[in-house]
PDB file of N, CA and C in Angstrom:
ATOM      1  N   UNK A   1     -32.710 -33.495 -17.644  1.00  0.00           N
ATOM      2  CA  UNK A   1     -34.409 -33.897 -17.732  1.00  0.00           C
ATOM      3  C   UNK A   1     -34.691 -34.702 -18.018  1.00  0.00           C
ATOM      4  N   UNK A   2     -35.946 -35.550 -17.674  1.00  0.00           N
ATOM      5  CA  UNK A   2     -36.432 -36.684 -18.251  1.00  0.00           C
ATOM      6  C   UNK A   2     -37.453 -35.644 -19.086  1.00  0.00           C
ATOM      7  N   UNK A   3     -37.943 -35.909 -20.411  1.00  0.00           N
ATOM      8  CA  UNK A   3     -38.447 -35.719 -21.331  1.00  0.00           C
ATOM      9  C   UNK A   3     -39.873 -36.520 -21.072  1.00  0.00           C
ATOM     10  N   UNK A   4     -40.803 -36.061 -21.377  1.00  0.00           N
ATOM     11  CA  UNK A   4     -41.949 -36.521 -21.618  1.00  0.00           C
ATOM     12  C   UNK A   4     -42.817 -37.018 -22.569  1.00  0.00           C
ATOM     13  N   UNK A   5     -41.703 -36.433 -23.804  1.00  0.00           N
ATOM     14  CA  UNK A   5     -42.051 -37.314 -24.922  1.00  0.00           C
ATOM     15  C   UNK A   5     -40.804 -38.276 -25.685  1.00  0.00           C
ATOM     16  N   UNK A   6     -40.026 -38.036 -25.009  1.00  0.00           N
ATOM     17  CA  UNK A   6     -38.902 -38.997 -25.431  1.00  0.00           C
ATOM     18  C   UNK A   6     -38.519 -40.254 -23.978  1.00  0.00           C
ATOM     19  N   UNK A   7     -38.688 -41.279 -24.618  1.00  0.00           N
ATOM     20  CA  UNK A   7     -38.777 -42.185 -23.135  1.00  0.00           C
ATOM     21  C   UNK A   7     -37.254 -42.899 -23.227  1.00  0.00           C
ATOM     22  N   UNK A   8     -36.427 -43.216 -24.369  1.00  0.00           N
ATOM     23  CA  UNK A   8     -35.138 -43.674 -24.885  1.00  0.00           C
ATOM     24  C   UNK A   8     -34.606 -43.110 -26.037  1.00  0.00           C
ATOM     25  N   UNK A   9     -33.137 -43.461 -26.039  1.00  0.00           N
ATOM     26  CA  UNK A   9     -32.648 -42.794 -27.221  1.00  0.00           C
ATOM     27  C   UNK A   9     -31.811 -43.481 -27.362  1.00  0.00           C
ATOM     28  N   UNK A  10     -30.872 -44.140 -28.714  1.00  0.00           N
ATOM     29  CA  UNK A  10     -29.484 -45.023 -28.669  1.00  0.00           C
ATOM     30  C   UNK A  10     -28.637 -44.518 -29.911  1.00  0.00           C
ATOM     31  N   UNK A  11     -27.468 -44.160 -30.090  1.00  0.00           N
ATOM     32  CA  UNK A  11     -26.659 -43.889 -30.903  1.00  0.00           C
ATOM     33  C   UNK A  11     -25.834 -44.837 -32.014  1.00  0.00           C
ATOM     34  N   UNK A  12     -25.871 -44.983 -32.780  1.00  0.00           N
ATOM     35  CA  UNK A  12     -24.550 -45.760 -33.172  1.00  0.00           C
ATOM     36  C   UNK A  12     -24.034 -44.787 -34.070  1.00  0.00           C
ATOM     37  N   UNK A  13     -22.672 -44.549 -33.747  1.00  0.00           N
ATOM     38  CA  UNK A  13     -21.736 -43.578 -34.270  1.00  0.00           C
ATOM     39  C   UNK A  13     -21.343 -44.259 -35.970  1.00  0.00           C
ATOM     40  N   UNK A  14     -21.036 -45.659 -35.759  1.00  0.00           N
ATOM     41  CA  UNK A  14     -20.636 -45.710 -37.160  1.00  0.00           C
ATOM     42  C   UNK A  14     -21.277 -45.726 -38.331  1.00  0.00           C
ATOM     43  N   UNK A  15     -22.556 -46.001 -38.064  1.00  0.00           N
ATOM     44  CA  UNK A  15     -23.816 -45.536 -39.117  1.00  0.00           C
ATOM     45  C   UNK A  15     -24.288 -44.150 -38.741  1.00  0.00           C
ATOM     46  N   UNK A  16     -24.005 -43.438 -38.408  1.00  0.00           N
ATOM     47  CA  UNK A  16     -24.903 -42.270 -37.603  1.00  0.00           C
ATOM     48  C   UNK A  16     -26.408 -42.087 -37.811  1.00  0.00           C
ATOM     49  N   UNK A  17     -26.548 -43.030 -37.193  1.00  0.00           N
ATOM     50  CA  UNK A  17     -28.159 -43.311 -36.475  1.00  0.00           C
ATOM     51  C   UNK A  17     -28.347 -42.870 -35.328  1.00  0.00           C
ATOM     52  N   UNK A  18     -29.505 -42.038 -34.871  1.00  0.00           N
ATOM     53  CA  UNK A  18     -30.015 -41.811 -34.073  1.00  0.00           C
ATOM     54  C   UNK A  18     -31.517 -42.581 -33.972  1.00  0.00           C
ATOM     55  N   UNK A  19     -31.684 -43.235 -32.663  1.00  0.00           N
ATOM     56  CA  UNK A  19     -32.703 -43.989 -32.582  1.00  0.00           C
ATOM     57  C   UNK A  19     -33.388 -43.690 -31.357  1.00  0.00           C
ATOM     58  N   UNK A  20     -34.487 -42.904 -31.769  1.00  0.00           N
ATOM     59  CA  UNK A  20     -35.530 -42.274 -30.303  1.00  0.00           C
ATOM     60  C   UNK A  20     -36.975 -43.483 -30.503  1.00  0.00           C
ATOM     61  N   UNK A  21     -36.767 -43.607 -29.154  1.00  0.00           N
ATOM     62  CA  UNK A  21     -38.508 -44.064 -28.576  1.00  0.00           C
ATOM     63  C   UNK A  21     -39.016 -43.283 -28.347  1.00  0.00           C
ATOM     64  N   UNK A  22     -40.203 -43.184 -28.553  1.00  0.00           N
ATOM     65  CA  UNK A  22     -41.018 -42.245 -27.845  1.00  0.00           C
ATOM     66  C   UNK A  22     -42.210 -42.682 -27.073  1.00  0.00           C
ATOM     67  N   UNK A  23     -42.577 -41.638 -26.189  1.00  0.00           N
ATOM     68  CA  UNK A  23     -43.449 -41.966 -24.779  1.00  0.00           C
ATOM     69  C   UNK A  23     -44.618 -43.191 -25.483  1.00  0.00           C
ATOM     70  N   UNK A  24     -44.747 -42.759 -26.635  1.00  0.00           N
ATOM     71  CA  UNK A  24     -46.247 -43.162 -27.290  1.00  0.00           C
ATOM     72  C   UNK A  24     -45.361 -44.787 -27.631  1.00  0.00           C
ATOM     73  N   UNK A  25     -44.878 -44.973 -27.871  1.00  0.00           N
ATOM     74  CA  UNK A  25     -43.885 -46.634 -28.264  1.00  0.00           C
ATOM     75  C   UNK A  25     -43.466 -46.405 -29.563  1.00  0.00           C
ATOM     76  N   UNK A  26     -43.844 -44.976 -30.343  1.00  0.00           N
ATOM     77  CA  UNK A  26     -42.995 -45.096 -31.734  1.00  0.00           C
ATOM     78  C   UNK A  26     -41.766 -45.290 -31.631  1.00  0.00           C
ATOM     79  N   UNK A  27     -40.877 -45.785 -32.971  1.00  0.00           N
ATOM     80  CA  UNK A  27     -39.751 -45.712 -33.339  1.00  0.00           C
ATOM     81  C   UNK A  27     -39.150 -45.439 -34.457  1.00  0.00           C
ATOM     82  N   UNK A  28     -38.092 -43.951 -34.281  1.00  0.00           N
ATOM     83  CA  UNK A  28     -38.196 -43.800 -35.188  1.00  0.00           C
ATOM     84  C   UNK A  28     -36.582 -43.602 -35.741  1.00  0.00           C
ATOM     85  N   UNK A  29     -36.010 -44.167 -36.696  1.00  0.00           N
ATOM     86  CA  UNK A  29     -34.147 -43.690 -36.839  1.00  0.00           C
ATOM     87  C   UNK A  29     -34.132 -42.459 -37.502  1.00  0.00           C
ATOM     88  N   UNK A  30     -32.988 -41.636 -37.286  1.00  0.00           N
ATOM     89  CA  UNK A  30     -32.936 -40.222 -38.003  1.00  0.00           C
ATOM     90  C   UNK A  30     -31.532 -40.343 -38.215  1.00  0.00           C
ATOM     91  N   UNK A  31     -31.526 -40.162 -39.662  1.00  0.00           N
ATOM     92  CA  UNK A  31     -30.015 -40.843 -40.395  1.00  0.00           C
ATOM     93  C   UNK A  31     -29.068 -39.686 -40.981  1.00  0.00           C
ATOM     94  N   UNK A  32     -27.859 -40.625 -40.769  1.00  0.00           N
ATOM     95  CA  UNK A  32     -27.029 -39.510 -41.247  1.00  0.00           C
ATOM     96  C   UNK A  32     -26.618 -38.126 -40.083  1.00  0.00           C
ATOM     97  N   UNK A  33     -26.949 -38.879 -38.797  1.00  0.00           N
ATOM     98  CA  UNK A  33     -26.845 -37.869 -37.331  1.00  0.00           C
ATOM     99  C   UNK A  33     -25.280 -37.902 -37.213  1.00  0.00           C
ATOM    100  N   UNK A  34     -24.612 -36.422 -37.103  1.00  0.00           N
ATOM    101  CA  UNK A  34     -23.069 -36.518 -36.704  1.00  0.00           C
ATOM    102  C   UNK A  34     -23.134 -36.837 -35.264  1.00  0.00           C
ATOM    103  N   UNK A  35     -22.161 -37.051 -35.189  1.00  0.00           N
ATOM    104  CA  UNK A  35     -21.455 -37.367 -34.124  1.00  0.00           C
ATOM    105  C   UNK A  35     -21.644 -36.079 -32.710  1.00  0.00           C
ATOM    106  N   UNK A  36     -21.481 -34.541 -33.021  1.00  0.00           N
ATOM    107  CA  UNK A  36     -21.337 -33.598 -32.975  1.00  0.00           C
ATOM    108  C   UNK A  36     -23.143 -33.229 -32.362  1.00  0.00           C
ATOM    109  N   UNK A  37     -24.027 -33.491 -33.592  1.00  0.00           N
ATOM    110  CA  UNK A  37     -25.275 -32.975 -33.241  1.00  0.00           C
ATOM    111  C   UNK A  37     -25.911 -34.211 -32.270  1.00  0.00           C
ATOM    112  N   UNK A  38     -25.606 -35.313 -32.097  1.00  0.00           N
ATOM    113  CA  UNK A  38     -25.208 -36.351 -31.254  1.00  0.00           C
ATOM    114  C   UNK A  38     -25.259 -35.785 -29.531  1.00  0.00           C
ATOM    115  N   UNK A  39     -23.858 -35.278 -30.042  1.00  0.00           N
ATOM    116  CA  UNK A  39     -23.805 -34.850 -28.288  1.00  0.00           C
ATOM    117  C   UNK A  39     -24.275 -33.352 -27.031  1.00  0.00           C
ATOM    118  N   UNK A  40     -24.300 -32.529 -29.173  1.00  0.00           N
ATOM    119  CA  UNK A  40     -25.697 -31.307 -28.527  1.00  0.00           C
ATOM    120  C   UNK A  40     -27.189 -32.052 -28.103  1.00  0.00           C
ATOM    121  N   UNK A  41     -27.218 -32.383 -28.368  1.00  0.00           N
ATOM    122  CA  UNK A  41     -29.051 -33.566 -28.551  1.00  0.00           C
ATOM    123  C   UNK A  41     -28.530 -34.434 -26.631  1.00  0.00           C
ATOM    124  N   UNK A  42     -27.562 -35.226 -26.850  1.00  0.00           N
ATOM    125  CA  UNK A  42     -27.849 -35.554 -25.343  1.00  0.00           C
ATOM    126  C   UNK A  42     -27.691 -34.316 -24.065  1.00  0.00           C
ATOM    127  N   UNK A  43     -26.539 -33.402 -24.384  1.00  0.00           N
ATOM    128  CA  UNK A  43     -26.264 -32.185 -23.520  1.00  0.00           C
ATOM    129  C   UNK A  43     -27.059 -31.591 -23.129  1.00  0.00           C
ATOM    130  N   UNK A  44     -28.172 -31.241 -23.709  1.00  0.00           N
ATOM    131  CA  UNK A  44     -29.515 -29.943 -24.445  1.00  0.00           C
ATOM    132  C   UNK A  44     -30.543 -30.470 -22.938  1.00  0.00           C
ATOM    133  N   UNK A  45     -30.763 -29.340 -22.434  1.00  0.00           N
ATOM    134  CA  UNK A  45     -31.798 -29.262 -21.256  1.00  0.00           C
ATOM    135  C   UNK A  45     -32.785 -29.954 -21.936  1.00  0.00           C
ATOM    136  N   UNK A  46     -33.867 -29.264 -22.890  1.00  0.00           N
ATOM    137  CA  UNK A  46     -34.694 -30.558 -23.431  1.00  0.00           C
ATOM    138  C   UNK A  46     -34.456 -30.910 -24.164  1.00  0.00           C
ATOM    139  N   UNK A  47     -34.445 -32.277 -24.359  1.00  0.00           N
ATOM    140  CA  UNK A  47     -34.199 -32.929 -25.581  1.00  0.00           C
ATOM    141  C   UNK A  47     -35.238 -32.811 -26.887  1.00  0.00           C
ATOM    142  N   UNK A  48     -36.743 -32.815 -25.792  1.00  0.00           N
ATOM    143  CA  UNK A  48     -37.720 -32.436 -27.029  1.00  0.00           C
ATOM    144  C   UNK A  48     -37.189 -31.625 -27.905  1.00  0.00           C
ATOM    145  N   UNK A  49     -36.899 -30.455 -27.115  1.00  0.00           N
ATOM    146  CA  UNK A  49     -37.291 -29.216 -27.731  1.00  0.00           C
ATOM    147  C   UNK A  49     -35.673 -28.981 -28.791  1.00  0.00           C
ATOM    148  N   UNK A  50     -34.735 -29.447 -28.668  1.00  0.00           N
ATOM    149  CA  UNK A  50     -33.878 -29.796 -29.427  1.00  0.00           C
ATOM    150  C   UNK A  50     -34.420 -30.802 -30.529  1.00  0.00           C
ATOM    151  N   UNK A  51     -34.923 -31.986 -30.513  1.00  0.00           N
ATOM    152  CA  UNK A  51     -35.351 -32.813 -31.439  1.00  0.00           C
ATOM    153  C   UNK A  51     -36.074 -31.792 -32.537  1.00  0.00           C
ATOM    154  N   UNK A  52     -36.925 -31.467 -31.909  1.00  0.00           N
ATOM    155  CA  UNK A  52     -37.750 -30.600 -32.853  1.00  0.00           C
ATOM    156  C   UNK A  52     -37.124 -29.429 -33.749  1.00  0.00           C
ATOM    157  N   UNK A  53     -36.384 -28.801 -33.301  1.00  0.00           N
ATOM    158  CA  UNK A  53     -35.662 -27.792 -33.519  1.00  0.00           C
ATOM    159  C   UNK A  53     -34.513 -28.127 -34.558  1.00  0.00           C
ATOM    160  N   UNK A  54     -33.447 -28.935 -33.983  1.00  0.00           N
ATOM    161  CA  UNK A  54     -32.285 -28.857 -34.511  1.00  0.00           C
ATOM    162  C   UNK A  54     -31.929 -30.795 -35.683  1.00  0.00           C
ATOM    163  N   UNK A  55     -33.050 -31.293 -35.279  1.00  0.00           N
ATOM    164  CA  UNK A  55     -32.508 -32.995 -35.864  1.00  0.00           C
ATOM    165  C   UNK A  55     -33.930 -32.610 -36.926  1.00  0.00           C
ATOM    166  N   UNK A  56     -35.533 -33.120 -36.390  1.00  0.00           N
ATOM    167  CA  UNK A  56     -36.089 -33.327 -37.599  1.00  0.00           C
ATOM    168  C   UNK A  56     -36.379 -32.409 -38.834  1.00  0.00           C
ATOM    169  N   UNK A  57     -36.084 -31.062 -38.548  1.00  0.00           N
ATOM    170  CA  UNK A  57     -36.013 -30.307 -40.008  1.00  0.00           C
ATOM    171  C   UNK A  57     -34.528 -30.593 -40.649  1.00  0.00           C
ATOM    172  N   UNK A  58     -33.506 -31.209 -40.003  1.00  0.00           N
ATOM    173  CA  UNK A  58     -32.809 -31.787 -41.205  1.00  0.00           C
ATOM    174  C   UNK A  58     -31.757 -32.819 -41.227  1.00  0.00           C
ATOM    175  N   UNK A  59     -32.738 -33.934 -40.818  1.00  0.00           N
ATOM    176  CA  UNK A  59     -32.238 -35.173 -40.885  1.00  0.00           C
ATOM    177  C   UNK A  59     -33.555 -35.834 -41.368  1.00  0.00           C
ATOM    178  N   UNK A  60     -32.997 -36.633 -42.485  1.00  0.00           N
ATOM    179  CA  UNK A  60     -33.878 -37.811 -43.015  1.00  0.00           C
ATOM    180  C   UNK A  60     -34.244 -38.871 -41.592  1.00  0.00           C
ATOM    181  N   UNK A  61     -35.439 -39.254 -41.711  1.00  0.00           N
ATOM    182  CA  UNK A  61     -35.692 -40.243 -40.725  1.00  0.00           C
ATOM    183  C   UNK A  61     -36.704 -41.193 -41.098  1.00  0.00           C
ATOM    184  N   UNK A  62     -36.835 -42.317 -40.479  1.00  0.00           N
ATOM    185  CA  UNK A  62     -37.919 -43.774 -40.824  1.00  0.00           C
ATOM    186  C   UNK A  62     -38.401 -44.184 -39.695  1.00  0.00           C
ATOM    187  N   UNK A  63     -39.813 -44.313 -39.991  1.00  0.00           N
ATOM    188  CA  UNK A  63     -40.188 -44.826 -38.891  1.00  0.00           C
ATOM    189  C   UNK A  63     -39.565 -46.968 -38.646  1.00  0.00           C
ATOM    190  N   UNK A  64     -39.476 -46.572 -37.544  1.00  0.00           N
ATOM    191  CA  UNK A  64     -38.743 -48.160 -37.227  1.00  0.00           C
ATOM    192  C   UNK A  64     -40.223 -49.414 -37.039  1.00  0.00           C
ATOM    193  N   UNK A  65     -40.588 -48.863 -35.692  1.00  0.00           N
ATOM    194  CA  UNK A  65     -41.919 -49.640 -35.283  1.00  0.00           C
ATOM    195  C   UNK A  65     -42.508 -48.567 -34.190  1.00  0.00           C
ATOM    196  N   UNK A  66     -43.548 -49.463 -33.976  1.00  0.00           N
ATOM    197  CA  UNK A  66     -44.950 -49.041 -32.808  1.00  0.00           C
ATOM    198  C   UNK A  66     -44.646 -50.605 -31.546  1.00  0.00           C
ATOM    199  N   UNK A  67     -43.986 -50.005 -30.422  1.00  0.00           N
ATOM    200  CA  UNK A  67     -43.432 -51.268 -29.429  1.00  0.00           C
ATOM    201  C   UNK A  67     -43.443 -50.450 -28.249  1.00  0.00           C
ATOM    202  N   UNK A  68     -44.581 -51.039 -27.609  1.00  0.00           N
ATOM    203  CA  UNK A  68     -44.788 -50.453 -26.170  1.00  0.00           C
ATOM    204  C   UNK A  68     -43.727 -51.355 -24.992  1.00  0.00           C
ATOM    205  N   UNK A  69     -42.999 -52.095 -25.371  1.00  0.00           N
ATOM    206  CA  UNK A  69     -42.315 -52.843 -25.043  1.00  0.00           C
ATOM    207  C   UNK A  69     -40.872 -51.920 -24.827  1.00  0.00           C
ATOM    208  N   UNK A  70     -40.250 -51.028 -25.284  1.00  0.00           N
ATOM    209  CA  UNK A  70     -39.266 -50.757 -25.118  1.00  0.00           C
ATOM    210  C   UNK A  70     -39.581 -50.135 -23.975  1.00  0.00           C
TER     211      UNK A  70
END
């Protein structure tokens, strides 16, 4: 199902970094996200709900940029 909050996402398994591009254009890296968590996120019916409940409270993150061209 398309997300109203998440425009795109990328995962780098070798670095355990989940990159989320929000609809607003903000880009965040979530750090040390294990592949199992990414697989569950990818399979989730609501990616925004999964992100809010299972990733944001447990993983460090860094704001990368605000870029509306993503």
